[in-house]
Amino acid sequence: MQNIAFRGILTAITISATLTSSTIVLAKNDDSFPITKQSSFDDCGIIWSQAKENLINYYNQDHKLEQCKSTQHRLKEAQKSSAMVEFLDGQFYALKPKSWSILDNLNDEADLQMGNLSKEAYCIIMSESKIDYDDYFTLEEYSKLTSDFILGAIANPSISEAENIILNGQSAIKYELTGSINGIRIRYWHVSIDTKSHFHQVILWSLPSKFDRNKADYEAVLNSFNNRL
């Protein structure tokens, strides 16, 4: 009876696999929980065998079925917990919302990548040392330069008026951009931040139909951005 029930746990898991920099995340009913440290899998996700092996190993450690289910629940809740994530060797940090994961396939140049695939919520942070810019180069110029790169890469681009904001005492400029890539419409927030040693871009995006429901998470990321120095 226990073996039949245990196989039921395995077959009940609908797997949508996301390889992150630290965990393999398995999604069940749009929630996720970390099963193991990152292993090398192809994109087809031979994640099933790894998940099965981990669950079987856990079960074979003389844990009751109820304890196995309870552990899965605790792992899911832990994955949901918000956390501050450091980047650039701990110089800066930002919030990872509770339903997001660390990602590694959004932009090779980004210093931090995270999001929620099922919600179509994405964020990258790109930081550039001010050593590479003239002393007179301003935040306004940086914001215009970097937002123009996005506008040049999308079809039917549009951009809002610049909004000057303060994030934890740091000057920032925020734009909203829209456009399309390969026929898919995308809505962005592009935020440039001026810190003592770096200029930063925080780029957050989603499909237009899902953008508003992700706004709370986007705002939480922006309001958490800070400098440890």
Foldseek 3Di string as FASTA:
>chain_A
DQVVVLVVVLVQFDFDWAQAQFFIWGDRPLFTFGQDGDDDDDPVPPVSVVNVVSLVVVVVVVDGPVVSVVVRVVRRQQQQDKDWDAWPVRFKIFIDHRRKDWHCPDDVQFRTWMDRVVLQKIKTKHKDWCVVDDPPDDLVNVQVVVVVVVQVQFAPKDKDDWDWDAAPNWTKIWMWMWGHDPPAIKIWIWMWTDDPTIIMIMIIMGGPVRVVVCVVVVVRRRNGIDGPD
